[in-house]
Amino acid sequence: MSLQALSDKELIDLLKEDHEKTFEEIYNRYWLKLLKIAYQKTGHREAAEEIVQDLFIKLWERRMELEIRRSLESYLFIAVKYRVINFVHSQTTIIQQENSRLPSVTWENQTEEQLNYREMNEQLRQAVRKLPEKSRIVFELSRYKYYSNKHIADKLNISEKAVEYHITRSLKLLRSQLKDSVILIALLILL
């Protein structure tokens, strides 16, 4: 049987048995999708490639202890999302360090921008919970589960145009709710 015909669950089981060809199949199956996500979020090809490459290295190193509760695809998409967030955070830190070295530059009102990630994430989730029900469901499927617009449309029995409308509406409402926090808006863009 060809590895290409195997399900993600079967691939994970083989991967845990040190099957290198399985790792190659997972890499070939998801590399480009993950690269596109990382590139869309970072805007830097080299950074996106490094993020995805690092993700696959960690996947191989931790293959024996993998505990994937959802699909492998969701697991990888979420992992790349967090690596992108870490990348953006590190870039922000570097910029802040560089700016702090500049003479006579003062940075006021940083308190709000120094919220830790958990607080920001919780604020964002609270804002998402306030969305109208249909828009919230579409937004969560799109941004948290990485479903395509077509998949969402099929799942909810609505048109792809309706999906696009709900996503656009959700983003506008969230931007409006989170307008006071630059970092939360940046996090929203990354979703």
Protein backbone atom coordinates (compact mmCIF):
# COMPACT_ATOMS: atom_id res chain seq x y z
CA MET A 1 0.00 0.00 0.00
CA SER A 2 1.20 3.48 -0.87
CA LEU A 3 1.86 5.94 1.95
CA GLN A 4 -0.11 8.54 0.01
CA ALA A 5 -3.26 6.46 0.47
CA LEU A 6 -2.90 6.32 4.25
CA SER A 7 -4.91 8.49 6.60
CA ASP A 8 -3.21 10.95 8.93
CA LYS A 9 -3.92 8.62 11.88
CA GLU A 10 -2.18 5.73 10.11
CA LEU A 11 0.76 7.99 9.26
CA ILE A 12 1.10 9.08 12.90
CA ASP A 13 1.11 5.44 14.03
CA LEU A 14 3.86 4.61 11.52
CA LEU A 15 5.80 7.74 12.45
CA LYS A 16 5.87 6.60 16.08
CA GLU A 17 7.50 3.39 14.81
CA ASP A 18 10.42 5.43 13.38
CA HIS A 19 9.26 5.02 9.80
CA GLU A 20 11.27 7.70 7.94
CA LYS A 21 9.31 7.41 4.70
CA THR A 22 6.19 8.26 6.69
CA PHE A 23 7.82 11.47 7.85
CA GLU A 24 8.64 12.30 4.23
CA GLU A 25 4.99 11.71 3.29
CA ILE A 26 3.77 14.02 6.08
CA TYR A 27 6.34 16.61 5.00
CA ASN A 28 5.28 16.40 1.35
CA ARG A 29 1.59 16.44 2.26
CA TYR A 30 1.69 19.56 4.47
CA TRP A 31 4.87 21.55 3.79
CA LEU A 32 3.45 23.85 1.11
CA LYS A 33 0.18 24.50 2.99
CA LEU A 34 2.11 25.40 6.15
CA LEU A 35 4.55 27.57 4.21
CA LYS A 36 1.66 29.51 2.66
CA ILE A 37 0.15 30.17 6.10
CA ALA A 38 3.48 31.21 7.61
CA TYR A 39 4.26 33.46 4.63
CA GLN A 40 0.82 35.10 4.70
CA LYS A 41 1.26 35.89 8.37
CA THR A 42 4.92 37.00 8.38
CA GLY A 43 5.29 38.49 4.92
CA HIS A 44 8.84 37.10 4.82
CA ARG A 45 9.62 34.03 2.73
CA GLU A 46 12.84 33.15 4.58
CA ALA A 47 11.17 33.50 7.98
CA ALA A 48 8.22 31.40 6.80
CA GLU A 49 10.55 28.67 5.52
CA GLU A 50 12.51 28.69 8.77
CA ILE A 51 9.31 28.48 10.85
CA VAL A 52 7.99 25.51 8.87
CA GLN A 53 11.36 23.75 8.76
CA ASP A 54 11.73 24.14 12.52
CA LEU A 55 8.21 22.76 13.01
CA PHE A 56 9.06 19.62 11.03
CA ILE A 57 12.35 19.17 12.89
CA LYS A 58 10.46 19.30 16.21
CA LEU A 59 7.84 16.91 14.83
CA TRP A 60 10.57 14.38 14.00
CA GLU A 61 12.37 14.86 17.32
CA ARG A 62 9.15 14.37 19.29
CA ARG A 63 7.56 11.71 17.11
CA MET A 64 7.56 9.06 19.87
CA GLU A 65 5.61 11.25 22.29
CA LEU A 66 3.06 12.70 19.87
CA GLU A 67 -0.40 13.08 21.37
CA ILE A 68 -2.59 14.40 18.57
CA ARG A 69 -6.20 14.72 19.69
CA ARG A 70 -7.56 16.31 16.53
CA SER A 71 -6.38 15.76 13.01
CA LEU A 72 -2.71 15.96 12.09
CA GLU A 73 -3.57 18.85 9.77
CA SER A 74 -5.14 20.87 12.62
CA TYR A 75 -2.22 20.03 14.89
CA LEU A 76 0.31 21.28 12.31
CA PHE A 77 -1.70 24.42 11.46
CA ILE A 78 -2.04 25.36 15.13
CA ALA A 79 1.65 24.65 15.72
CA VAL A 80 2.67 26.89 12.81
CA LYS A 81 0.30 29.60 14.05
CA TYR A 82 2.01 29.64 17.45
CA ARG A 83 5.45 29.66 15.84
CA VAL A 84 4.41 32.66 13.74
CA ILE A 85 3.14 34.44 16.88
CA ASN A 86 6.48 33.72 18.58
CA PHE A 87 8.31 35.03 15.50
CA VAL A 88 6.27 38.25 15.45
CA HIS A 89 6.76 38.66 19.20
CA SER A 90 10.53 38.17 18.85
CA GLN A 91 10.66 40.69 16.01
CA THR A 92 8.70 43.17 18.12
CA THR A 93 11.10 42.61 21.01
CA ILE A 94 14.12 43.19 18.76
CA ILE A 95 12.58 46.40 17.42
CA GLN A 96 11.78 47.57 20.95
CA GLN A 97 15.35 46.83 22.06
CA GLU A 98 16.76 48.72 19.11
CA ASN A 99 14.43 51.64 19.76
CA SER A 100 15.32 51.72 23.44
CA ARG A 101 18.95 52.32 22.47
CA LEU A 102 18.06 55.45 20.53
CA PRO A 103 18.88 58.59 22.48
CA SER A 104 16.08 60.90 23.61
CA VAL A 105 13.33 58.58 22.48
CA THR A 106 10.68 58.05 25.09
CA TRP A 107 8.09 55.34 24.99
CA GLU A 108 5.00 56.19 26.93
CA ASN A 109 1.75 54.33 27.35
CA GLN A 110 3.39 50.93 26.95
CA THR A 111 1.47 49.37 29.79
CA GLU A 112 -1.39 48.26 27.59
CA GLU A 113 0.99 46.87 25.00
CA GLN A 114 2.86 44.81 27.59
CA LEU A 115 -0.04 42.47 28.29
CA ASN A 116 1.16 38.92 28.27
CA TYR A 117 0.02 36.57 25.55
CA ARG A 118 -2.55 34.74 27.67
CA GLU A 119 -4.32 37.94 28.63
CA MET A 120 -4.39 39.10 25.02
CA ASN A 121 -5.62 35.75 23.81
CA GLU A 122 -8.39 35.76 26.43
CA GLN A 123 -9.42 39.30 25.44
CA LEU A 124 -9.56 38.20 21.82
CA ARG A 125 -11.61 35.11 22.68
CA GLN A 126 -14.02 37.23 24.73
CA ALA A 127 -14.45 39.57 21.78
CA VAL A 128 -15.06 36.59 19.49
CA ARG A 129 -17.71 35.26 21.91
CA LYS A 130 -19.57 38.59 21.55
CA LEU A 131 -19.92 38.19 17.77
CA PRO A 132 -23.35 37.32 16.34
CA GLU A 133 -23.75 33.54 16.48
CA LYS A 134 -23.46 32.72 12.76
CA SER A 135 -20.51 35.09 12.26
CA ARG A 136 -18.80 33.67 15.36
CA ILE A 137 -19.19 30.07 14.15
CA VAL A 138 -17.85 30.93 10.68
CA PHE A 139 -14.96 32.93 12.18
CA GLU A 140 -13.96 30.13 14.57
CA LEU A 141 -14.05 27.50 11.82
CA SER A 142 -11.98 29.74 9.56
CA ARG A 143 -9.42 31.11 12.00
CA TYR A 144 -9.14 28.49 14.73
CA LYS A 145 -9.75 25.28 12.79
CA TYR A 146 -8.34 26.53 9.45
CA TYR A 147 -11.28 25.26 7.42
CA SER A 148 -11.45 26.54 3.87
CA ASN A 149 -14.37 28.75 2.88
CA LYS A 150 -15.75 25.90 0.79
CA HIS A 151 -15.51 23.46 3.70
CA ILE A 152 -17.29 25.94 6.00
CA ALA A 153 -19.99 26.57 3.38
CA ASP A 154 -20.59 22.83 3.00
CA LYS A 155 -20.57 22.22 6.75
CA LEU A 156 -23.02 25.05 7.53
CA ASN A 157 -25.06 24.66 4.35
CA ILE A 158 -24.48 28.26 3.25
CA SER A 159 -22.84 29.80 0.18
CA GLU A 160 -19.13 30.64 0.01
CA LYS A 161 -20.15 34.30 -0.43
CA ALA A 162 -22.02 34.09 2.88
CA VAL A 163 -18.89 32.65 4.49
CA GLU A 164 -16.82 35.56 3.13
CA TYR A 165 -19.44 38.02 4.38
CA HIS A 166 -19.39 36.55 7.90
CA ILE A 167 -15.58 36.56 8.04
CA THR A 168 -15.39 40.18 6.84
CA ARG A 169 -18.12 41.19 9.26
CA SER A 170 -16.39 39.40 12.15
CA LEU A 171 -13.06 41.08 11.41
CA LYS A 172 -14.69 44.53 11.26
CA LEU A 173 -16.54 43.96 14.54
CA LEU A 174 -13.42 42.60 16.24
CA ARG A 175 -11.28 45.51 15.02
CA SER A 176 -13.90 47.87 16.38
CA GLN A 177 -14.01 46.09 19.76
CA LEU A 178 -10.22 45.86 20.02
CA LYS A 179 -9.34 49.27 18.56
CA ASP A 180 -7.58 50.37 21.75
CA SER A 181 -4.98 47.61 21.65
CA VAL A 182 -2.41 47.65 18.86
CA ILE A 183 -1.03 44.25 19.84
CA LEU A 184 -4.47 42.61 19.88
CA ILE A 185 -5.18 43.99 16.42
CA ALA A 186 -1.84 42.57 15.25
CA LEU A 187 -2.79 39.22 16.79
CA LEU A 188 -6.16 39.42 15.04
CA ILE A 189 -4.39 39.95 11.72
CA LEU A 190 -2.32 36.84 12.35
CA LEU A 191 -5.38 34.67 12.83
